[in-house]
């Protein structure tokens, strides 16, 4: 995968996240906050986890020490949107610096247990998008449980919309 392809994949990731937020916004605050007994409680907890993971990976790639977000750091959907807007901007700036050589090079980081890891940057970046897709699917299920209607986030839908928008 080259830098142009990874940028397209990250355009998809942003698009899918914004569509997920749009479907969640149609719910009430109580529905978003309700504990649905999932890995991160409910919709709000899953959104915070997803946002936190985006920020953690970006910080690692920029050589910074990441600090995960907690639900109380972003207590409302509006605060989540603001944090994500900033993250999308920072990610876009990072993506514009990428070269094919950077993607292929191993990048070391420590996980939150203190374990040292090293994989090519491209593998870490692919993981981040895959991780987000997994959790957006969980959020879609929770939106349905709360009586809402999720908005499709399939990659093929993104490609089709890109073709239509020329």
N, C-alpha and C. Protein backbone atom coordinates (compact mmCIF):
# COMPACT_ATOMS: atom_id res chain seq x y z
N UNK A 1 0.85 -1.17 0.00
CA UNK A 1 0.00 0.00 0.00
C UNK A 1 0.90 1.23 0.00
N UNK A 2 0.58 2.20 -0.85
CA UNK A 2 1.39 3.40 -0.92
C UNK A 2 0.69 4.57 -0.23
N UNK A 3 1.35 5.71 -0.19
CA UNK A 3 0.82 6.86 0.56
C UNK A 3 -0.49 7.37 -0.03
N UNK A 4 -0.66 7.31 -1.33
CA UNK A 4 -1.92 7.74 -1.95
C UNK A 4 -3.06 6.82 -1.53
N UNK A 5 -2.80 5.53 -1.54
CA UNK A 5 -3.84 4.56 -1.14
C UNK A 5 -4.20 4.70 0.34
N UNK A 6 -3.21 4.93 1.19
CA UNK A 6 -3.51 5.06 2.61
C UNK A 6 -4.30 6.35 2.86
N UNK A 7 -4.01 7.40 2.11
CA UNK A 7 -4.79 8.63 2.25
C UNK A 7 -6.25 8.41 1.87
N UNK A 8 -6.49 7.65 0.81
CA UNK A 8 -7.86 7.32 0.42
C UNK A 8 -8.54 6.50 1.50
N UNK A 9 -7.83 5.54 2.06
CA UNK A 9 -8.41 4.72 3.13
C UNK A 9 -8.77 5.58 4.33
N UNK A 10 -7.95 6.57 4.64
CA UNK A 10 -8.24 7.45 5.76
C UNK A 10 -9.36 8.45 5.44
N UNK A 11 -9.55 8.78 4.17
CA UNK A 11 -10.73 9.55 3.78
C UNK A 11 -11.98 8.73 4.05
N UNK A 12 -11.92 7.44 3.70
CA UNK A 12 -13.04 6.54 4.00
C UNK A 12 -13.29 6.49 5.50
N UNK A 13 -12.25 6.34 6.29
CA UNK A 13 -12.38 6.22 7.74
C UNK A 13 -13.07 7.46 8.31
N UNK A 14 -12.68 8.62 7.87
CA UNK A 14 -13.30 9.88 8.32
C UNK A 14 -14.77 9.91 7.90
N UNK A 15 -15.04 9.60 6.65
CA UNK A 15 -16.40 9.58 6.10
C UNK A 15 -17.28 8.64 6.93
N UNK A 16 -16.79 7.44 7.20
CA UNK A 16 -17.58 6.45 7.95
C UNK A 16 -17.82 6.91 9.39
N UNK A 17 -16.83 7.52 9.99
CA UNK A 17 -16.99 8.02 11.36
C UNK A 17 -18.04 9.13 11.40
N UNK A 18 -17.98 10.05 10.45
CA UNK A 18 -18.96 11.14 10.41
C UNK A 18 -20.37 10.61 10.19
N UNK A 19 -20.52 9.60 9.38
CA UNK A 19 -21.84 8.99 9.16
C UNK A 19 -22.33 8.30 10.44
N UNK A 20 -21.43 7.67 11.16
CA UNK A 20 -21.79 7.03 12.42
C UNK A 20 -22.25 8.08 13.43
N UNK A 21 -21.52 9.16 13.52
CA UNK A 21 -21.91 10.24 14.43
C UNK A 21 -23.28 10.80 14.05
N UNK A 22 -23.53 10.92 12.76
CA UNK A 22 -24.82 11.42 12.28
C UNK A 22 -25.96 10.50 12.75
N UNK A 23 -25.77 9.20 12.66
CA UNK A 23 -26.83 8.29 13.09
C UNK A 23 -27.02 8.33 14.60
N UNK A 24 -25.93 8.50 15.33
CA UNK A 24 -26.00 8.59 16.80
C UNK A 24 -26.67 9.89 17.23
N UNK A 25 -26.47 10.95 16.48
CA UNK A 25 -27.03 12.26 16.83
C UNK A 25 -28.55 12.26 16.82
N UNK A 26 -29.15 11.33 16.10
CA UNK A 26 -30.62 11.26 16.04
C UNK A 26 -31.22 10.68 17.32
N UNK A 27 -30.39 10.10 18.17
CA UNK A 27 -30.86 9.54 19.44
C UNK A 27 -30.85 10.61 20.53
N UNK A 28 -31.54 10.32 21.61
CA UNK A 28 -31.51 11.24 22.75
C UNK A 28 -30.21 11.03 23.54
N UNK A 29 -29.89 11.99 24.37
CA UNK A 29 -28.70 11.87 25.22
C UNK A 29 -28.82 10.64 26.12
N UNK A 30 -30.02 10.40 26.66
CA UNK A 30 -30.23 9.22 27.52
C UNK A 30 -29.96 7.93 26.75
N UNK A 31 -30.39 7.85 25.50
CA UNK A 31 -30.14 6.66 24.69
C UNK A 31 -28.64 6.49 24.42
N UNK A 32 -27.96 7.57 24.19
CA UNK A 32 -26.51 7.49 23.93
C UNK A 32 -25.74 7.08 25.17
N UNK A 33 -26.22 7.48 26.34
CA UNK A 33 -25.51 7.23 27.59
C UNK A 33 -25.89 5.90 28.23
N UNK A 34 -26.99 5.29 27.83
CA UNK A 34 -27.47 4.07 28.48
C UNK A 34 -26.44 2.95 28.39
N UNK A 35 -26.25 2.25 29.49
CA UNK A 35 -25.34 1.10 29.52
C UNK A 35 -26.04 -0.08 28.86
N UNK A 36 -25.54 -0.49 27.72
CA UNK A 36 -26.11 -1.60 26.96
C UNK A 36 -25.34 -2.90 27.19
N UNK A 37 -24.53 -2.89 28.23
CA UNK A 37 -23.77 -4.06 28.64
C UNK A 37 -22.82 -4.57 27.55
N UNK A 38 -22.22 -3.62 26.84
CA UNK A 38 -21.23 -3.97 25.83
C UNK A 38 -19.83 -3.69 26.40
N UNK A 39 -18.83 -3.91 25.62
CA UNK A 39 -17.45 -3.74 26.07
C UNK A 39 -17.19 -2.37 26.69
N UNK A 40 -17.82 -1.34 26.16
CA UNK A 40 -17.57 0.02 26.64
C UNK A 40 -18.84 0.65 27.18
N UNK A 41 -19.76 -0.17 27.64
CA UNK A 41 -21.01 0.30 28.21
C UNK A 41 -22.07 0.45 27.15
N UNK A 42 -22.09 1.58 26.52
CA UNK A 42 -23.09 1.85 25.50
C UNK A 42 -22.49 2.66 24.37
N UNK A 43 -23.35 3.39 23.70
CA UNK A 43 -22.94 4.15 22.53
C UNK A 43 -21.88 5.19 22.88
N UNK A 44 -22.13 5.94 23.94
CA UNK A 44 -21.16 6.99 24.32
C UNK A 44 -19.79 6.37 24.62
N UNK A 45 -19.76 5.32 25.40
CA UNK A 45 -18.49 4.68 25.74
C UNK A 45 -17.77 4.16 24.51
N UNK A 46 -18.52 3.60 23.56
CA UNK A 46 -17.90 3.08 22.33
C UNK A 46 -17.34 4.22 21.49
N UNK A 47 -18.07 5.34 21.41
CA UNK A 47 -17.57 6.49 20.66
C UNK A 47 -16.28 7.04 21.29
N UNK A 48 -16.27 7.11 22.62
CA UNK A 48 -15.08 7.62 23.30
C UNK A 48 -13.90 6.67 23.05
N UNK A 49 -14.14 5.37 23.11
CA UNK A 49 -13.07 4.41 22.84
C UNK A 49 -12.53 4.59 21.42
N UNK A 50 -13.41 4.74 20.47
CA UNK A 50 -13.01 4.90 19.08
C UNK A 50 -12.22 6.19 18.89
N UNK A 51 -12.70 7.28 19.44
CA UNK A 51 -11.99 8.55 19.37
C UNK A 51 -10.63 8.46 20.05
N UNK A 52 -10.61 7.86 21.22
CA UNK A 52 -9.36 7.72 21.97
C UNK A 52 -8.34 6.91 21.17
N UNK A 53 -8.78 5.82 20.57
CA UNK A 53 -7.86 5.00 19.77
C UNK A 53 -7.30 5.79 18.59
N UNK A 54 -8.14 6.59 17.94
CA UNK A 54 -7.66 7.42 16.84
C UNK A 54 -6.55 8.35 17.32
N UNK A 55 -6.77 8.98 18.46
CA UNK A 55 -5.79 9.93 18.99
C UNK A 55 -4.53 9.21 19.47
N UNK A 56 -4.69 8.07 20.12
CA UNK A 56 -3.54 7.32 20.63
C UNK A 56 -2.63 6.91 19.47
N UNK A 57 -3.20 6.34 18.42
CA UNK A 57 -2.36 5.92 17.30
C UNK A 57 -1.67 7.10 16.64
N UNK A 58 -2.39 8.19 16.43
CA UNK A 58 -1.78 9.36 15.82
C UNK A 58 -0.63 9.89 16.68
N UNK A 59 -0.84 9.95 17.98
CA UNK A 59 0.24 10.40 18.86
C UNK A 59 1.46 9.49 18.76
N UNK A 60 1.24 8.19 18.73
CA UNK A 60 2.36 7.25 18.59
C UNK A 60 3.13 7.53 17.31
N UNK A 61 2.41 7.71 16.21
CA UNK A 61 3.06 7.91 14.92
C UNK A 61 3.83 9.22 14.86
N UNK A 62 3.43 10.17 15.68
CA UNK A 62 4.13 11.47 15.71
C UNK A 62 5.20 11.50 16.80
N UNK A 63 5.45 10.35 17.45
CA UNK A 63 6.51 10.28 18.45
C UNK A 63 6.13 10.86 19.79
N UNK A 64 4.85 11.01 20.03
CA UNK A 64 4.37 11.58 21.29
C UNK A 64 3.93 10.45 22.22
N UNK A 65 3.82 10.75 23.49
CA UNK A 65 3.31 9.78 24.47
C UNK A 65 1.79 9.93 24.54
N UNK A 66 1.06 8.90 24.11
CA UNK A 66 -0.40 9.03 24.09
C UNK A 66 -1.02 8.93 25.48
N UNK A 67 -2.12 9.62 25.64
CA UNK A 67 -2.91 9.55 26.86
C UNK A 67 -4.34 9.22 26.44
N UNK A 68 -4.85 8.05 26.82
CA UNK A 68 -6.20 7.68 26.39
C UNK A 68 -7.26 8.59 27.02
N UNK A 69 -8.32 8.80 26.28
CA UNK A 69 -9.45 9.57 26.79
C UNK A 69 -10.33 8.69 27.65
N UNK A 70 -11.00 9.31 28.60
CA UNK A 70 -12.00 8.64 29.42
C UNK A 70 -13.35 9.26 29.10
N UNK A 71 -14.44 8.54 29.32
CA UNK A 71 -15.77 9.11 29.00
C UNK A 71 -16.01 10.47 29.63
N UNK A 72 -15.49 10.69 30.81
CA UNK A 72 -15.72 11.99 31.46
C UNK A 72 -14.93 13.12 30.80
N UNK A 73 -13.91 12.78 29.99
CA UNK A 73 -13.17 13.81 29.26
C UNK A 73 -14.00 14.42 28.14
N UNK A 74 -14.92 13.63 27.62
CA UNK A 74 -15.81 14.06 26.53
C UNK A 74 -17.23 13.62 26.90
N UNK A 75 -17.90 14.37 27.77
CA UNK A 75 -19.16 13.91 28.36
C UNK A 75 -20.39 13.98 27.45
N UNK A 76 -20.27 14.66 26.32
CA UNK A 76 -21.44 14.81 25.45
C UNK A 76 -21.05 14.54 24.00
N UNK A 77 -22.07 14.36 23.17
CA UNK A 77 -21.80 14.15 21.74
C UNK A 77 -21.15 15.39 21.14
N UNK A 78 -21.54 16.57 21.59
CA UNK A 78 -20.92 17.80 21.08
C UNK A 78 -19.43 17.84 21.40
N UNK A 79 -19.06 17.44 22.61
CA UNK A 79 -17.63 17.45 22.95
C UNK A 79 -16.87 16.39 22.15
N UNK A 80 -17.50 15.26 21.91
CA UNK A 80 -16.88 14.23 21.07
C UNK A 80 -16.64 14.77 19.67
N UNK A 81 -17.65 15.45 19.11
CA UNK A 81 -17.50 16.02 17.76
C UNK A 81 -16.34 17.00 17.70
N UNK A 82 -16.20 17.85 18.72
CA UNK A 82 -15.12 18.84 18.74
C UNK A 82 -13.75 18.15 18.79
N UNK A 83 -13.64 17.14 19.64
CA UNK A 83 -12.37 16.40 19.73
C UNK A 83 -12.06 15.72 18.40
N UNK A 84 -13.10 15.14 17.78
CA UNK A 84 -12.86 14.45 16.52
C UNK A 84 -12.49 15.42 15.41
N UNK A 85 -13.12 16.59 15.39
CA UNK A 85 -12.75 17.60 14.38
C UNK A 85 -11.26 17.92 14.48
N UNK A 86 -10.78 18.11 15.70
CA UNK A 86 -9.35 18.40 15.90
C UNK A 86 -8.50 17.21 15.47
N UNK A 87 -8.95 16.01 15.81
CA UNK A 87 -8.20 14.80 15.44
C UNK A 87 -8.15 14.64 13.92
N UNK A 88 -9.28 14.87 13.24
CA UNK A 88 -9.30 14.77 11.77
C UNK A 88 -8.33 15.77 11.15
N UNK A 89 -8.27 16.97 11.70
CA UNK A 89 -7.36 17.99 11.19
C UNK A 89 -5.91 17.55 11.38
N UNK A 90 -5.58 17.08 12.57
CA UNK A 90 -4.22 16.63 12.85
C UNK A 90 -3.85 15.41 12.01
N UNK A 91 -4.81 14.49 11.83
CA UNK A 91 -4.56 13.31 11.00
C UNK A 91 -4.30 13.73 9.56
N UNK A 92 -5.08 14.66 9.06
CA UNK A 92 -4.88 15.14 7.70
C UNK A 92 -3.49 15.74 7.52
N UNK A 93 -3.06 16.52 8.51
CA UNK A 93 -1.71 17.10 8.45
C UNK A 93 -0.66 16.00 8.44
N UNK A 94 -0.85 14.97 9.27
CA UNK A 94 0.09 13.85 9.31
C UNK A 94 0.11 13.10 7.98
N UNK A 95 -1.07 12.82 7.44
CA UNK A 95 -1.16 12.07 6.19
C UNK A 95 -0.43 12.77 5.05
N UNK A 96 -0.47 14.09 5.05
CA UNK A 96 0.21 14.84 3.98
C UNK A 96 1.72 14.73 4.06
N UNK A 97 2.25 14.31 5.20
CA UNK A 97 3.71 14.16 5.33
C UNK A 97 4.20 12.78 4.94
N UNK A 98 3.29 11.83 4.78
CA UNK A 98 3.68 10.44 4.55
C UNK A 98 4.33 10.23 3.19
N UNK A 99 5.34 9.39 3.21
CA UNK A 99 5.96 8.90 1.98
C UNK A 99 5.84 7.38 1.98
N UNK A 100 6.03 6.80 0.84
CA UNK A 100 6.00 5.34 0.75
C UNK A 100 7.08 4.72 1.64
N UNK A 101 8.22 5.38 1.74
CA UNK A 101 9.32 4.87 2.58
C UNK A 101 8.93 4.89 4.05
N UNK A 102 8.27 5.95 4.48
CA UNK A 102 7.81 6.03 5.88
C UNK A 102 6.83 4.91 6.19
N UNK A 103 5.92 4.64 5.25
CA UNK A 103 4.92 3.58 5.46
C UNK A 103 5.58 2.21 5.60
N UNK A 104 6.61 1.97 4.85
CA UNK A 104 7.27 0.66 4.87
C UNK A 104 8.20 0.47 6.08
N UNK A 105 8.63 1.57 6.68
CA UNK A 105 9.60 1.49 7.76
C UNK A 105 8.95 1.05 9.08
N UNK A 106 9.67 0.20 9.85
CA UNK A 106 9.15 -0.17 11.16
C UNK A 106 9.08 1.05 12.08
N UNK A 107 8.06 1.08 12.91
CA UNK A 107 7.91 2.16 13.87
C UNK A 107 7.66 1.53 15.24
N UNK A 108 8.54 1.85 16.18
CA UNK A 108 8.41 1.30 17.53
C UNK A 108 7.50 2.16 18.38
N UNK A 109 6.79 1.49 19.28
CA UNK A 109 5.96 2.18 20.26
C UNK A 109 5.76 1.24 21.45
N UNK A 110 5.32 1.81 22.55
CA UNK A 110 4.98 1.02 23.73
C UNK A 110 3.47 1.02 23.89
N UNK A 111 2.91 -0.14 24.18
CA UNK A 111 1.48 -0.18 24.48
C UNK A 111 1.27 0.24 25.93
N UNK A 112 0.02 0.25 26.36
CA UNK A 112 -0.26 0.76 27.71
C UNK A 112 0.13 -0.21 28.82
N UNK A 113 0.56 -1.41 28.46
CA UNK A 113 1.09 -2.36 29.45
C UNK A 113 2.61 -2.26 29.54
N UNK A 114 3.19 -1.39 28.72
CA UNK A 114 4.64 -1.21 28.72
C UNK A 114 5.37 -2.12 27.75
N UNK A 115 4.64 -2.93 26.98
CA UNK A 115 5.27 -3.80 26.00
C UNK A 115 5.75 -2.99 24.80
N UNK A 116 6.98 -3.28 24.37
CA UNK A 116 7.52 -2.63 23.17
C UNK A 116 7.07 -3.40 21.95
N UNK A 117 6.64 -2.67 20.94
CA UNK A 117 6.19 -3.26 19.68
C UNK A 117 6.84 -2.52 18.53
N UNK A 118 6.96 -3.22 17.41
CA UNK A 118 7.50 -2.60 16.21
C UNK A 118 6.91 -3.30 15.00
N UNK A 119 6.19 -2.55 14.21
CA UNK A 119 5.67 -3.03 12.93
C UNK A 119 5.84 -1.90 11.92
N UNK A 120 5.81 -2.25 10.64
CA UNK A 120 5.82 -1.18 9.64
C UNK A 120 4.64 -0.23 9.91
N UNK A 121 4.86 1.04 9.69
CA UNK A 121 3.82 2.03 9.92
C UNK A 121 2.55 1.68 9.17
N UNK A 122 2.66 1.18 7.95
CA UNK A 122 1.47 0.86 7.18
C UNK A 122 0.60 -0.18 7.90
N UNK A 123 1.22 -1.16 8.55
CA UNK A 123 0.44 -2.17 9.28
C UNK A 123 -0.30 -1.54 10.45
N UNK A 124 0.34 -0.62 11.14
CA UNK A 124 -0.32 0.06 12.25
C UNK A 124 -1.48 0.90 11.73
N UNK A 125 -1.27 1.55 10.60
CA UNK A 125 -2.32 2.41 10.05
C UNK A 125 -3.50 1.59 9.54
N UNK A 126 -3.21 0.44 8.95
CA UNK A 126 -4.30 -0.45 8.52
C UNK A 126 -5.06 -0.98 9.73
N UNK A 127 -4.33 -1.31 10.79
CA UNK A 127 -4.98 -1.77 12.02
C UNK A 127 -5.95 -0.72 12.55
N UNK A 128 -5.52 0.54 12.57
CA UNK A 128 -6.37 1.60 13.11
C UNK A 128 -7.70 1.69 12.37
N UNK A 129 -7.66 1.60 11.05
CA UNK A 129 -8.89 1.66 10.26
C UNK A 129 -9.74 0.41 10.50
N UNK A 130 -9.11 -0.76 10.56
CA UNK A 130 -9.85 -1.99 10.83
C UNK A 130 -10.51 -1.94 12.20
N UNK A 131 -9.78 -1.47 13.19
CA UNK A 131 -10.30 -1.32 14.55
C UNK A 131 -11.52 -0.41 14.55
N UNK A 132 -11.43 0.70 13.85
CA UNK A 132 -12.55 1.65 13.79
C UNK A 132 -13.76 1.01 13.11
N UNK A 133 -13.54 0.26 12.05
CA UNK A 133 -14.64 -0.39 11.35
C UNK A 133 -15.37 -1.36 12.28
N UNK A 134 -14.61 -2.12 13.04
CA UNK A 134 -15.19 -3.07 13.99
C UNK A 134 -16.10 -2.35 14.99
N UNK A 135 -15.60 -1.27 15.57
CA UNK A 135 -16.39 -0.57 16.59
C UNK A 135 -17.54 0.23 15.99
N UNK A 136 -17.39 0.72 14.78
CA UNK A 136 -18.55 1.37 14.13
C UNK A 136 -19.67 0.35 13.92
N UNK A 137 -19.32 -0.89 13.63
CA UNK A 137 -20.34 -1.94 13.51
C UNK A 137 -21.05 -2.18 14.83
N UNK A 138 -20.29 -2.18 15.91
CA UNK A 138 -20.92 -2.33 17.22
C UNK A 138 -21.86 -1.16 17.51
N UNK A 139 -21.42 0.02 17.18
CA UNK A 139 -22.27 1.20 17.40
C UNK A 139 -23.53 1.12 16.56
N UNK A 140 -23.42 0.65 15.33
CA UNK A 140 -24.62 0.49 14.49
C UNK A 140 -25.62 -0.45 15.15
N UNK A 141 -25.14 -1.54 15.73
CA UNK A 141 -26.04 -2.47 16.43
C UNK A 141 -26.70 -1.80 17.63
N UNK A 142 -25.92 -1.01 18.37
CA UNK A 142 -26.49 -0.32 19.54
C UNK A 142 -27.50 0.74 19.12
N UNK A 143 -27.24 1.42 18.01
CA UNK A 143 -28.21 2.41 17.51
C UNK A 143 -29.53 1.69 17.20
N UNK A 144 -29.46 0.53 16.58
CA UNK A 144 -30.68 -0.26 16.30
C UNK A 144 -31.38 -0.66 17.60
N UNK A 145 -30.60 -1.10 18.59
CA UNK A 145 -31.19 -1.49 19.88
C UNK A 145 -31.95 -0.33 20.51
N UNK A 146 -31.49 0.88 20.25
CA UNK A 146 -32.11 2.07 20.83
C UNK A 146 -33.22 2.62 19.95
N UNK A 147 -33.58 1.88 18.90
CA UNK A 147 -34.67 2.30 18.03
C UNK A 147 -34.27 3.25 16.92
N UNK A 148 -32.98 3.49 16.77
CA UNK A 148 -32.49 4.39 15.73
C UNK A 148 -32.19 3.65 14.45
N UNK A 149 -31.74 4.41 13.47
CA UNK A 149 -31.43 3.84 12.16
C UNK A 149 -29.97 4.17 11.82
N UNK A 150 -29.12 3.17 11.83
CA UNK A 150 -27.73 3.43 11.45
C UNK A 150 -27.63 3.81 9.98
N UNK A 151 -26.57 4.52 9.66
CA UNK A 151 -26.30 4.92 8.28
C UNK A 151 -25.17 4.02 7.79
N UNK A 152 -25.32 3.48 6.60
CA UNK A 152 -24.34 2.55 6.06
C UNK A 152 -22.94 3.16 5.96
N UNK A 153 -21.96 2.36 6.30
CA UNK A 153 -20.57 2.82 6.25
C UNK A 153 -19.67 1.84 5.49
N UNK A 154 -20.25 1.07 4.58
CA UNK A 154 -19.45 0.11 3.82
C UNK A 154 -18.46 0.82 2.90
N UNK A 155 -17.31 0.24 2.77
CA UNK A 155 -16.26 0.80 1.92
C UNK A 155 -16.74 0.94 0.48
N UNK A 156 -17.50 -0.02 -0.02
CA UNK A 156 -17.97 0.06 -1.41
C UNK A 156 -18.91 1.24 -1.59
N UNK A 157 -19.68 1.57 -0.56
CA UNK A 157 -20.56 2.75 -0.62
C UNK A 157 -19.73 4.02 -0.72
N UNK A 158 -18.65 4.07 0.04
CA UNK A 158 -17.74 5.21 -0.03
C UNK A 158 -17.19 5.34 -1.45
N UNK A 159 -16.69 4.23 -2.03
CA UNK A 159 -16.14 4.29 -3.38
C UNK A 159 -17.19 4.76 -4.38
N UNK A 160 -18.41 4.26 -4.26
CA UNK A 160 -19.48 4.65 -5.19
C UNK A 160 -19.78 6.14 -5.06
N UNK A 161 -19.81 6.64 -3.83
CA UNK A 161 -20.07 8.07 -3.64
C UNK A 161 -18.92 8.91 -4.21
N UNK A 162 -17.70 8.43 -4.08
CA UNK A 162 -16.55 9.14 -4.63
C UNK A 162 -16.67 9.23 -6.15
N UNK A 163 -17.09 8.13 -6.79
CA UNK A 163 -17.26 8.11 -8.23
C UNK A 163 -18.34 9.09 -8.66
N UNK A 164 -19.46 9.13 -7.91
CA UNK A 164 -20.56 10.01 -8.24
C UNK A 164 -20.19 11.48 -8.09
N UNK A 165 -19.34 11.77 -7.09
CA UNK A 165 -18.95 13.16 -6.83
C UNK A 165 -17.79 13.59 -7.72
N UNK A 166 -17.30 12.65 -8.54
CA UNK A 166 -16.27 12.94 -9.52
C UNK A 166 -14.97 13.31 -8.97
